Protein backbone atom coordinates (compact mmCIF):
# COMPACT_ATOMS: atom_id res chain seq x y z
CA MET A 1 -9.99 -25.51 24.48
CA SER A 2 -7.72 -23.15 26.40
CA LEU A 3 -4.10 -22.49 25.55
CA VAL A 4 -1.40 -22.99 28.13
CA LEU A 5 1.12 -20.16 27.89
CA ILE A 6 4.23 -20.36 30.07
CA HIS A 7 5.73 -16.98 30.90
CA ARG A 8 9.51 -16.72 30.49
CA ASP A 9 11.10 -13.34 31.10
CA ASP A 10 14.23 -14.26 29.20
CA GLU A 11 12.25 -14.62 25.95
CA LEU A 12 11.00 -11.03 25.99
CA ASP A 13 13.43 -8.25 25.21
CA VAL A 14 14.07 -6.05 28.21
CA SER A 15 16.23 -2.97 27.70
CA SER A 16 18.21 -0.99 30.20
CA GLY A 17 16.26 2.17 29.34
CA HIS A 18 19.44 4.18 28.60
CA VAL A 19 19.54 5.93 25.22
CA ASP A 20 22.39 8.15 24.07
CA PRO A 21 21.14 11.77 24.21
CA TRP A 22 22.74 12.66 20.86
CA LEU A 23 21.02 9.74 19.15
CA LEU A 24 17.75 10.65 20.80
CA ALA A 25 18.07 14.28 19.67
CA ALA A 26 18.80 13.18 16.10
CA LEU A 27 15.80 10.84 16.06
CA TRP A 28 13.47 13.54 17.33
CA THR A 29 14.82 15.95 14.72
CA LEU A 30 14.09 13.40 11.99
CA ALA A 31 10.58 12.83 13.39
CA ILE A 32 9.78 16.56 13.52
CA VAL A 33 11.06 17.13 9.98
CA ALA A 34 9.07 14.12 8.73
CA VAL A 35 5.77 15.30 10.24
CA ALA A 36 6.32 18.92 9.13
CA ALA A 37 7.19 17.82 5.59
CA ALA A 38 4.09 15.60 5.45
CA ALA A 39 1.83 18.42 6.60
CA ARG A 40 3.34 20.85 4.09
CA LEU A 41 2.97 18.47 1.14
CA LEU A 42 -0.62 17.61 2.03
CA ALA A 43 -1.59 21.26 2.43
CA TRP A 44 -0.01 22.13 -0.95
CA TYR A 45 -1.36 19.23 -3.02
CA TRP A 46 -4.90 18.62 -1.94
CA PRO A 47 -7.02 21.72 -2.47
CA GLY A 48 -9.00 21.16 -5.69
CA ARG A 49 -7.22 18.00 -6.82
CA VAL A 50 -8.00 14.31 -7.20
CA PHE A 51 -5.62 11.41 -6.59
CA ASP A 52 -2.36 11.58 -8.50
CA GLY A 53 -2.39 7.89 -9.50
CA VAL A 54 -5.00 6.02 -11.53
CA THR A 55 -4.64 3.05 -9.15
CA SER A 56 -6.12 5.18 -6.37
CA HIS A 57 -9.14 5.83 -8.55
CA ILE A 58 -9.56 2.08 -9.07
CA TRP A 59 -9.84 1.67 -5.29
CA THR A 60 -12.29 4.59 -5.26
CA ALA A 61 -14.35 3.02 -8.07
CA LEU A 62 -14.54 -0.25 -6.11
CA ALA A 63 -15.72 1.76 -3.10
CA TRP A 64 -18.28 3.65 -5.21
CA ASP A 65 -19.59 0.35 -6.58
CA LEU A 66 -19.93 -1.11 -3.07
CA ALA A 67 -21.57 2.05 -1.73
CA HIS A 68 -24.17 1.59 -4.48
CA GLY A 69 -24.74 -2.11 -3.80
CA HIS A 70 -22.21 -3.75 -6.16
CA PHE A 71 -19.55 -5.85 -4.38
CA TYR A 72 -16.90 -6.73 -6.99
CA ARG A 73 -17.72 -6.94 -10.69
CA PRO A 74 -17.62 -9.89 -13.04
CA LEU A 75 -14.80 -9.74 -15.60
CA LEU A 76 -17.41 -8.97 -18.25
CA GLY A 77 -20.94 -7.96 -17.44
CA PRO A 78 -23.81 -5.75 -18.58
CA ASP A 79 -22.47 -2.84 -16.53
CA GLY A 80 -18.91 -2.96 -17.83
CA TYR A 81 -15.53 -4.56 -17.24
CA GLY A 82 -14.15 -5.81 -13.93
CA GLY A 83 -11.00 -7.67 -12.97
CA THR A 84 -8.89 -6.75 -9.94
CA ARG A 85 -6.78 -8.53 -7.33
CA TYR A 86 -7.52 -5.95 -4.63
CA MET A 87 -8.76 -7.22 -1.27
CA PRO A 88 -11.95 -5.70 0.16
CA LEU A 89 -11.18 -4.14 3.56
CA LEU A 90 -9.73 -0.83 2.34
CA PHE A 91 -12.39 -0.04 -0.25
CA GLY A 92 -15.05 -1.40 2.10
CA ALA A 93 -14.07 1.25 4.65
CA GLN A 94 -14.07 3.90 1.92
CA ALA A 95 -17.52 2.76 0.80
CA LEU A 96 -18.79 3.16 4.35
CA LEU A 97 -17.47 6.74 4.44
CA ILE A 98 -19.18 7.43 1.09
CA ARG A 99 -22.44 6.06 2.48
CA LEU A 100 -22.03 8.43 5.42
CA GLY A 101 -22.02 11.32 2.96
CA LEU A 102 -18.34 12.00 2.34
CA ASP A 103 -17.09 12.88 -1.12
CA PRO A 104 -15.31 9.77 -2.57
CA ILE A 105 -11.95 11.53 -2.91
CA ARG A 106 -12.08 13.15 0.52
CA ALA A 107 -13.09 9.80 2.01
CA GLY A 108 -10.01 8.25 0.41
CA VAL A 109 -7.71 10.99 1.70
CA LEU A 110 -9.07 10.58 5.23
CA LEU A 111 -8.65 6.81 5.02
CA MET A 112 -5.10 7.04 3.65
CA GLN A 113 -3.82 9.44 6.28
CA GLY A 114 -5.65 7.54 9.00
CA SER A 115 -3.89 4.38 7.80
CA VAL A 116 -0.47 6.03 8.13
CA LEU A 117 -1.31 7.23 11.64
CA ALA A 118 -2.47 3.71 12.49
CA ALA A 119 0.79 2.29 11.12
CA ALA A 120 2.79 4.67 13.34
CA ALA A 121 0.67 3.69 16.36
CA ALA A 122 1.11 -0.03 15.64
CA LEU A 123 4.88 0.37 15.31
CA TYR A 124 4.97 2.29 18.60
CA ALA A 125 3.02 -0.50 20.31
CA ALA A 126 5.37 -3.15 18.88
CA LEU A 127 8.42 -1.22 20.08
CA ARG A 128 6.91 -0.76 23.54
CA GLY A 129 5.96 -4.44 23.58
CA HIS A 130 9.69 -5.16 23.36
CA GLN A 131 10.43 -2.70 26.17
CA VAL A 132 11.87 0.06 23.97
CA PRO A 133 11.64 3.29 26.04
CA ARG A 134 8.85 5.71 25.13
CA ARG A 135 11.26 8.54 24.34
CA LEU A 136 12.89 6.29 21.72
CA ALA A 137 9.78 4.50 20.47
CA THR A 138 7.89 7.73 19.73
CA PRO A 139 10.33 9.31 17.21
CA LEU A 140 10.92 5.92 15.58
CA ALA A 141 7.18 5.50 15.07
CA LEU A 142 6.88 9.00 13.59
CA ALA A 143 9.66 8.12 11.14
CA VAL A 144 6.95 6.26 9.19
CA PHE A 145 6.15 9.70 7.71
CA GLY A 146 9.78 10.35 6.77
CA THR A 147 10.27 8.45 3.52
CA VAL A 148 10.14 9.13 -0.19
CA ILE A 149 7.50 6.39 -0.34
CA TYR A 150 5.20 8.30 1.98
CA GLN A 151 5.69 11.54 0.04
CA GLN A 152 4.89 9.74 -3.21
CA TYR A 153 1.75 8.11 -1.82
CA CYS A 154 0.35 10.82 0.43
CA THR A 155 -1.23 12.12 -2.78
CA ASP A 156 -2.83 8.72 -3.39
CA LEU A 157 -4.87 5.96 -1.79
CA ASP A 158 -2.82 2.87 -1.08
CA PRO A 159 -3.53 -0.28 1.00
CA ASP A 160 0.02 -0.90 2.21
CA TYR A 161 -0.09 1.33 5.28
CA LEU A 162 -3.40 -0.08 6.50
CA ALA A 163 -2.24 -3.65 5.90
CA SER A 164 1.05 -2.95 7.64
CA ALA A 165 -0.71 -1.27 10.57
CA LEU A 166 -2.94 -4.29 11.11
CA ALA A 167 -0.14 -6.82 10.64
CA MET A 168 2.27 -4.95 12.93
CA SER A 169 -0.42 -4.68 15.61
CA SER A 170 -0.42 -8.48 15.82
CA ILE A 171 3.09 -8.33 17.32
CA PRO A 172 2.33 -6.48 20.58
CA LEU A 173 -0.91 -8.46 20.90
CA ALA A 174 0.98 -11.76 20.67
CA VAL A 175 3.65 -10.54 23.10
CA ARG A 176 0.97 -9.43 25.55
CA GLY A 177 -0.74 -12.79 25.33
CA VAL A 178 2.49 -14.57 26.25
CA ARG A 179 3.59 -12.09 28.89
CA TYR A 180 0.31 -12.18 30.80
CA GLN A 181 -0.63 -15.79 29.93
CA GLN A 182 -3.91 -14.65 28.35
CA PRO A 183 -4.85 -16.64 25.22
CA ARG A 184 -7.45 -14.05 24.16
CA TRP A 185 -4.64 -11.67 23.19
CA LEU A 186 -3.16 -14.35 20.96
CA PHE A 187 -6.58 -14.74 19.35
CA ALA A 188 -6.64 -10.95 18.85
CA ALA A 189 -3.22 -11.20 17.17
CA GLY A 190 -4.61 -13.79 14.74
CA LEU A 191 -7.62 -11.59 14.04
CA ALA A 192 -5.29 -8.67 13.27
CA VAL A 193 -3.42 -10.85 10.76
CA VAL A 194 -6.73 -11.84 9.13
CA LEU A 195 -7.81 -8.20 8.79
CA ALA A 196 -4.40 -7.34 7.36
CA ALA A 197 -4.74 -10.15 4.80
CA LEU A 198 -8.20 -8.84 3.87
CA THR A 199 -6.42 -5.60 3.01
CA LYS A 200 -3.37 -7.11 1.30
CA VAL A 201 -3.33 -10.89 1.01
CA THR A 202 0.45 -11.27 1.45
CA ALA A 203 0.10 -9.95 5.03
CA LEU A 204 -0.96 -13.50 5.93
CA ALA A 205 2.80 -14.21 6.02
CA TYR A 206 2.92 -12.62 9.51
CA LEU A 207 1.68 -15.98 10.73
CA VAL A 208 5.16 -17.37 10.17
CA PRO A 209 7.27 -15.27 12.57
CA ILE A 210 4.68 -15.39 15.36
CA ALA A 211 4.28 -19.17 15.07
CA TRP A 212 8.07 -19.64 14.88
CA TRP A 213 8.52 -17.51 18.00
CA LEU A 214 5.92 -19.51 19.90
CA VAL A 215 7.47 -22.84 18.87
CA THR A 216 11.04 -21.84 19.69
CA SER A 217 9.98 -20.58 23.11
CA GLY A 218 8.39 -23.88 24.04
CA ARG A 219 4.78 -23.09 23.11
CA ALA A 220 4.22 -25.48 20.23
CA ARG A 221 0.62 -26.16 21.22
CA ALA A 222 -0.19 -22.44 21.30
CA ALA A 223 1.53 -22.04 17.92
CA ALA A 224 -0.58 -24.81 16.38
CA TRP A 225 -3.83 -23.31 17.67
CA PHE A 226 -2.71 -19.85 16.54
CA VAL A 227 -1.94 -20.97 12.97
CA LEU A 228 -4.98 -23.21 12.55
CA GLY A 229 -7.33 -20.66 14.10
CA THR A 230 -6.03 -17.79 11.99
CA ILE A 231 -6.17 -19.78 8.76
CA ALA A 232 -9.72 -20.91 9.61
CA LEU A 233 -10.77 -17.30 10.28
CA PHE A 234 -9.25 -16.11 7.02
CA THR A 235 -10.84 -18.94 5.03
CA ALA A 236 -14.23 -18.16 6.53
CA ALA A 237 -13.82 -14.45 5.81
CA ALA A 238 -12.76 -15.11 2.21
CA GLY A 239 -15.74 -17.44 1.82
CA LEU A 240 -18.11 -14.72 3.01
CA VAL A 241 -16.57 -12.29 0.53
CA GLU A 242 -17.00 -14.82 -2.26
CA VAL A 243 -20.65 -15.40 -1.38
CA ALA A 244 -21.37 -11.68 -0.99
CA SER A 245 -19.81 -10.97 -4.40
CA HIS A 246 -21.87 -13.73 -6.08
CA GLY A 247 -18.68 -15.48 -7.20
CA ALA A 248 -16.99 -12.42 -8.71
CA PHE A 249 -14.26 -12.19 -6.04
CA LEU A 250 -12.43 -15.45 -6.79
CA GLU A 251 -13.09 -15.17 -10.52
CA SER A 252 -11.47 -11.77 -10.54
CA PHE A 253 -8.63 -12.79 -8.23
CA ARG A 254 -7.73 -15.86 -10.30
CA ALA A 255 -7.67 -13.81 -13.50
CA THR A 256 -5.43 -11.05 -12.13
CA ILE A 257 -3.32 -12.45 -9.29
CA SER A 258 -0.14 -12.90 -11.35
CA GLY A 259 -0.29 -9.42 -12.86
CA GLY A 260 0.85 -10.95 -16.15
CA MET A 261 4.03 -12.38 -14.62
CA ARG A 262 6.41 -14.27 -16.89
CA SER A 263 9.40 -16.47 -16.04
CA SER A 264 11.79 -13.60 -16.84
CA ASP A 265 10.15 -11.49 -14.12
CA VAL A 266 11.39 -13.94 -11.48
CA TRP A 267 15.02 -13.25 -12.37
CA ARG A 268 14.41 -9.51 -12.42
CA ALA A 269 12.87 -9.47 -8.94
CA VAL A 270 16.10 -9.11 -6.96
CA PRO A 271 17.55 -6.22 -9.03
CA LYS A 272 14.17 -4.49 -9.02
CA PHE A 273 13.87 -4.95 -5.27
CA LEU A 274 17.37 -3.57 -4.63
CA ARG A 275 16.77 -0.66 -7.01
CA GLU A 276 13.55 0.35 -5.27
CA VAL A 277 15.23 0.18 -1.86
CA ALA A 278 18.17 2.26 -3.10
CA ILE A 279 15.85 4.92 -4.56
CA ASP A 280 14.60 5.72 -1.06
CA PRO A 281 17.54 6.29 1.33
CA PHE A 282 15.10 6.78 4.22
CA VAL A 283 14.14 3.13 3.79
CA ALA A 284 17.59 1.86 2.81
CA VAL A 285 19.35 3.21 5.92
CA PRO A 286 16.93 1.60 8.43
CA VAL A 287 17.22 -1.68 6.49
CA ILE A 288 21.02 -1.57 6.76
CA VAL A 289 20.86 -0.68 10.45
CA ALA A 290 18.36 -3.48 11.10
CA CYS A 291 20.53 -6.02 9.28
CA TRP A 292 23.52 -4.88 11.36
CA CYS A 293 21.57 -5.40 14.58
CA ALA A 294 20.09 -8.72 13.49
CA PHE A 295 23.04 -10.40 11.81
CA VAL A 296 26.31 -8.57 12.48
CA ARG A 297 25.97 -7.78 16.19
CA PRO A 298 23.01 -9.92 17.25
CA ARG A 299 21.95 -9.97 20.89
CA ARG A 300 19.22 -12.53 20.33
CA PHE A 301 17.44 -13.74 17.21
CA GLY A 302 13.87 -13.27 18.37
CA LEU A 303 10.49 -12.20 17.10
CA PRO A 304 11.50 -8.78 15.63
CA GLN A 305 14.39 -10.31 13.70
CA MET A 306 12.20 -13.10 12.35
CA ILE A 307 9.66 -10.51 11.23
CA LEU A 308 12.42 -8.75 9.31
CA VAL A 309 13.43 -11.99 7.55
CA THR A 310 9.82 -12.90 6.72
CA VAL A 311 8.91 -9.45 5.43
CA SER A 312 12.07 -9.30 3.30
CA ALA A 313 11.25 -12.67 1.73
CA ILE A 314 7.60 -11.85 1.00
CA THR A 315 8.54 -8.43 -0.41
CA LEU A 316 10.99 -10.09 -2.77
CA VAL A 317 8.22 -12.44 -3.92
CA ILE A 318 5.90 -9.48 -4.51
CA PHE A 319 8.52 -7.88 -6.75
CA THR A 320 8.31 -10.82 -9.15
CA SER A 321 4.97 -9.41 -10.32
CA PRO A 322 5.09 -6.77 -13.07
CA GLY A 323 4.10 -3.26 -12.12
CA THR A 324 5.17 -3.50 -8.47
CA VAL A 325 6.96 -0.39 -7.19
CA GLY A 326 8.17 1.20 -3.97
CA ASN A 327 4.87 1.21 -2.07
CA HIS A 328 5.46 -2.47 -1.34
CA LEU A 329 8.44 -1.51 0.84
CA VAL A 330 6.23 -0.11 3.61
CA ASP A 331 6.29 -3.41 5.56
CA LEU A 332 10.06 -3.68 5.16
CA HIS A 333 10.55 -0.12 6.43
CA MET A 334 8.40 -0.74 9.51
CA ALA A 335 10.03 -4.09 10.28
CA SER A 336 13.45 -2.44 9.96
CA LEU A 337 12.45 0.35 12.35
CA LEU A 338 11.27 -2.28 14.85
CA VAL A 339 14.56 -4.21 14.74
CA ALA A 340 16.62 -1.00 14.73
CA GLY A 341 14.68 0.35 17.72
CA VAL A 342 15.23 -2.82 19.74
CA GLY A 343 18.91 -2.70 18.76
CA MET A 344 19.24 0.94 19.83
CA ALA A 345 17.59 0.19 23.17
CA HIS A 346 20.12 -2.59 23.76
CA GLY A 347 23.15 -0.59 22.68
CA GLN A 348 23.87 -2.75 19.63
CA LEU A 349 24.87 0.33 17.62
CA PRO A 350 27.75 2.78 18.11
CA ALA A 351 25.57 5.59 19.41
CA ARG A 352 27.45 8.63 18.12
CA ALA A 353 27.89 7.15 14.65
CA ALA A 354 24.20 6.27 14.57
CA ALA A 355 23.32 9.81 15.71
CA ALA A 356 25.38 11.27 12.86
CA VAL A 357 23.64 9.03 10.31
CA VAL A 358 20.17 9.92 11.61
CA ALA A 359 21.04 13.64 11.64
CA GLY A 360 22.16 13.31 8.03
CA MET A 361 18.84 11.66 7.18
CA ALA A 362 16.98 14.54 8.83
CA ALA A 363 18.98 17.11 6.83
CA ALA A 364 18.41 15.20 3.58
CA LEU A 365 14.68 14.87 4.27
CA ALA A 366 14.43 18.59 4.92
CA ALA A 367 16.32 19.34 1.69
CA ILE A 368 13.95 17.28 -0.49
CA SER A 369 10.80 18.34 1.34
CA PHE A 370 10.98 22.11 1.46
CA PRO A 371 12.78 21.72 -1.15
CA VAL A 372 16.31 22.89 -2.03
CA PRO A 373 16.56 23.91 -5.73
CA GLY A 374 18.50 21.43 -7.84
CA ILE A 375 17.92 18.47 -5.54
CA PRO A 376 15.54 15.80 -6.90
CA SER A 377 12.41 15.59 -4.80
CA VAL A 378 8.81 14.42 -4.87
CA THR A 379 7.60 18.01 -4.58
CA ALA A 380 9.71 19.14 -7.53
CA THR A 381 8.48 16.21 -9.62
CA LEU A 382 4.85 16.96 -8.81
CA ARG A 383 5.29 20.64 -9.64
CA ALA A 384 6.68 19.72 -13.06
CA GLN A 385 3.67 17.52 -13.89
CA SER A 386 0.16 18.30 -15.03
CA LEU A 387 -1.61 17.25 -11.88
CA PRO A 388 -5.15 15.84 -12.11
CA SER A 389 -7.72 18.26 -10.76
CA ARG A 390 -11.45 18.45 -10.20
CA ALA A 391 -11.48 21.39 -12.61
CA ALA A 392 -10.11 19.20 -15.43
CA VAL A 393 -12.80 16.58 -14.80
CA ARG A 394 -15.50 19.28 -14.78
CA ALA A 395 -14.14 20.72 -18.03
CA ILE A 396 -14.29 17.33 -19.77
CA HIS A 397 -17.86 16.73 -18.64
CA GLY A 398 -18.95 20.24 -19.56
CA GLU A 399 -17.42 20.16 -23.05
CA PHE A 400 -17.80 16.55 -24.15
CA LEU A 401 -19.98 14.44 -21.85
CA PRO A 402 -23.54 15.71 -21.53
CA GLN A 403 -26.01 13.43 -19.78
CA GLY A 404 -26.50 10.16 -21.65
CA THR A 405 -23.25 10.26 -23.64
CA ARG A 406 -21.67 6.85 -24.15
CA TYR A 407 -18.00 7.12 -23.29
CA LEU A 408 -15.07 5.04 -22.07
CA SER A 409 -12.47 6.34 -19.61
CA THR A 410 -9.30 4.53 -18.57
CA ASP A 411 -9.38 6.57 -15.36
CA PRO A 412 -12.52 5.83 -13.30
CA VAL A 413 -12.44 9.26 -11.65
CA ILE A 414 -14.12 10.80 -14.71
CA ALA A 415 -17.27 8.84 -13.86
CA VAL A 416 -17.03 8.62 -10.06
CA LEU A 417 -16.83 12.38 -9.51
CA TYR A 418 -20.14 12.71 -11.37
CA ASP A 419 -21.73 9.89 -9.38
CA GLU A 420 -21.72 7.58 -12.40
CA ARG A 421 -20.71 3.91 -12.56
CA PRO A 422 -17.40 3.62 -14.44
CA LEU A 423 -17.61 1.31 -17.45
CA LEU A 424 -13.98 0.25 -17.04
CA LEU A 425 -12.60 -0.55 -13.61
CA ASP A 426 -8.91 -1.46 -13.98
CA ALA A 427 -7.18 -0.47 -17.23
CA PHE A 428 -3.96 -2.31 -16.30
CA ASN A 429 -5.74 -5.66 -16.13
CA LEU A 430 -8.00 -4.93 -19.09
CA SER A 431 -4.90 -4.21 -21.18
CA ARG A 432 -3.72 -7.72 -20.27
CA PHE A 433 -7.11 -9.11 -21.24
CA VAL A 434 -6.82 -7.38 -24.65
CA ARG A 435 -3.34 -8.83 -25.16
CA GLU A 436 -4.38 -12.33 -24.04
CA ARG A 437 -7.60 -12.25 -26.10
CA THR A 438 -9.89 -13.11 -23.20
CA ALA A 439 -13.67 -12.66 -23.50
CA ALA A 440 -13.51 -9.22 -21.88
CA GLY A 441 -10.58 -8.16 -24.09
CA ARG A 442 -12.29 -9.30 -27.29
CA ASP A 443 -15.54 -7.60 -26.31
CA LEU A 444 -13.83 -4.26 -25.71
CA GLU A 445 -11.84 -4.53 -28.94
CA GLN A 446 -15.04 -5.12 -30.92
CA ARG A 447 -16.77 -2.14 -29.27
CA LEU A 448 -13.82 0.15 -30.00
CA ARG A 449 -13.61 -0.96 -33.62
CA ARG A 450 -17.36 -0.42 -34.02
CA HIS A 451 -16.96 3.05 -32.50
CA ASP A 452 -19.56 2.30 -29.85
CA PHE A 453 -18.26 5.17 -27.73
CA ALA A 454 -18.73 8.82 -28.67
CA PHE A 455 -15.62 9.68 -26.68
CA VAL A 456 -12.70 7.84 -25.10
CA ILE A 457 -10.75 9.56 -22.32
CA VAL A 458 -7.28 8.33 -21.41
CA ARG A 459 -4.88 9.45 -18.74
CA GLU A 460 -1.50 9.84 -20.45
CA ASP A 461 1.19 12.08 -21.81
CA PRO A 462 0.03 12.83 -25.39
CA LEU A 463 3.68 12.90 -26.51
CA GLY A 464 4.56 9.59 -24.83
CA SER A 465 3.19 7.23 -27.47
CA GLN A 466 6.22 4.97 -27.16
CA ASN A 467 5.00 3.98 -23.71
CA HIS A 468 1.50 2.91 -24.74
CA ASN A 469 0.26 -0.41 -23.43
CA ASP A 470 -1.90 -2.84 -25.42
CA LEU A 471 -5.16 -1.12 -24.51
CA GLU A 472 -3.86 2.36 -25.36
CA ARG A 473 -2.47 1.14 -28.70
CA LEU A 474 -5.87 -0.32 -29.52
CA ILE A 475 -7.58 2.95 -28.59
CA HIS A 476 -5.21 5.06 -30.69
CA SER A 477 -5.63 2.73 -33.65
CA THR A 478 -9.40 3.31 -33.68
CA TYR A 479 -9.80 6.81 -32.21
CA ASP A 480 -8.11 10.17 -32.85
CA VAL A 481 -7.14 12.85 -30.35
CA ARG A 482 -9.75 15.59 -30.17
CA ALA A 483 -8.55 17.62 -27.19
CA VAL A 484 -6.13 17.61 -24.27
CA ARG A 485 -7.24 18.67 -20.81
CA ASN A 486 -4.12 17.81 -18.86
CA PRO A 487 -3.51 15.18 -17.77
CA PHE A 488 -6.46 13.75 -19.70
CA VAL A 489 -6.64 13.19 -23.46
CA VAL A 490 -10.05 13.14 -25.18
CA LEU A 491 -10.41 11.01 -28.33
CA VAL A 492 -13.20 10.66 -30.90
CA PRO A 493 -13.91 7.92 -33.49
CA ARG A 494 -11.45 7.87 -36.41
CA VAL A 495 -13.19 8.97 -39.60
CA ASP A 496 -11.83 6.17 -41.77
């Protein structure tokens, strides 16, 4: 059945095209600094290293499994321990690159940086869909690279940029469908939301602002078909994933979806959310500007503004789960840039004041990126750490793990780099299983107490014992430190 879309020019933002030259110059300066800083950090970090975060190696282990014919693991099986709430699109793409012959780490780096580029392109398309001039939309899109979040995660593999790119791309597709009265573009927008949700399930929330926009502009029938069609597509896709994983997908998702959330975490969500926003001024400033444009000096409360409200709400919900950090602000940053860009195009901001703020952001970004001594920065933090390298993994295998050795590693990279199936997939969730005495937790505890493993390798600061989780405390109660190959610690069975 076809959709009837009535075109109304007054419902689509149309700007005058005039942008203050000082504001434009400041935005381009910020964009150039952001791209230059990203290139510098990537060139410095990547030669000879693996991902900085263990979470990135969990994604890589999922991709390695899939590349070798294993799509999700059971929580407890003959090949080891599973349990993850990660959606399949990101690691499915990484698995494809591995099958094409790429090294697992290099495949992840390519996918991560491609995701950020896609996010910038999607934001540009959304800005242009709301008639923001190209000369303004381009530097705003490149500002995706200019955050502390990006600098923290350019050394990792993270799904947020890919999910945000796909979700944001639904906006210009929906606008195009309305503008040209072509229902197929609205279908494409729904498909983009489905793909985003298959990367990060909370991206399904983008249904809300698009449906609201359609209803409030007199297209209730189109909104109903859009929502029902998108939900049906997502349900079918999730069903295919469940069948392809032989039931492991939903089993794993049900066991891990809360992340161990307790009632007290709900009350901590708002302070944690505000703290994470404040930590990154390059996110905080666009959020403030967007709120000014949307609520203090609103021109029209339309689709971009509703996206900002929806993304803020879903991000706050995400922060109720333990372990969530700043990477979950990517959607909020992009939504804020969209609203701010539309506001700038319509003159909702005092141009010279905005130019001064953006110029200050550019100077601050340059100071932390190149970096200025004494100023806290991602680069300075990384330089002070023992960064994980391929050489450290090779040293551990050469000294302790000859072929056939039974070992357990809390970081899957130890196995994946040697084309081995990791016994343990996700140490964060397995630590919960140990604490909650699930079947997988009890099984691992018994194997550790029996000293079934010749070696256990953990990724930790050997002096930071006060920060041990339940799994690490169990390991240290049954195994003793044998050697340190930073940032890895090698343990052997305790003699007594």
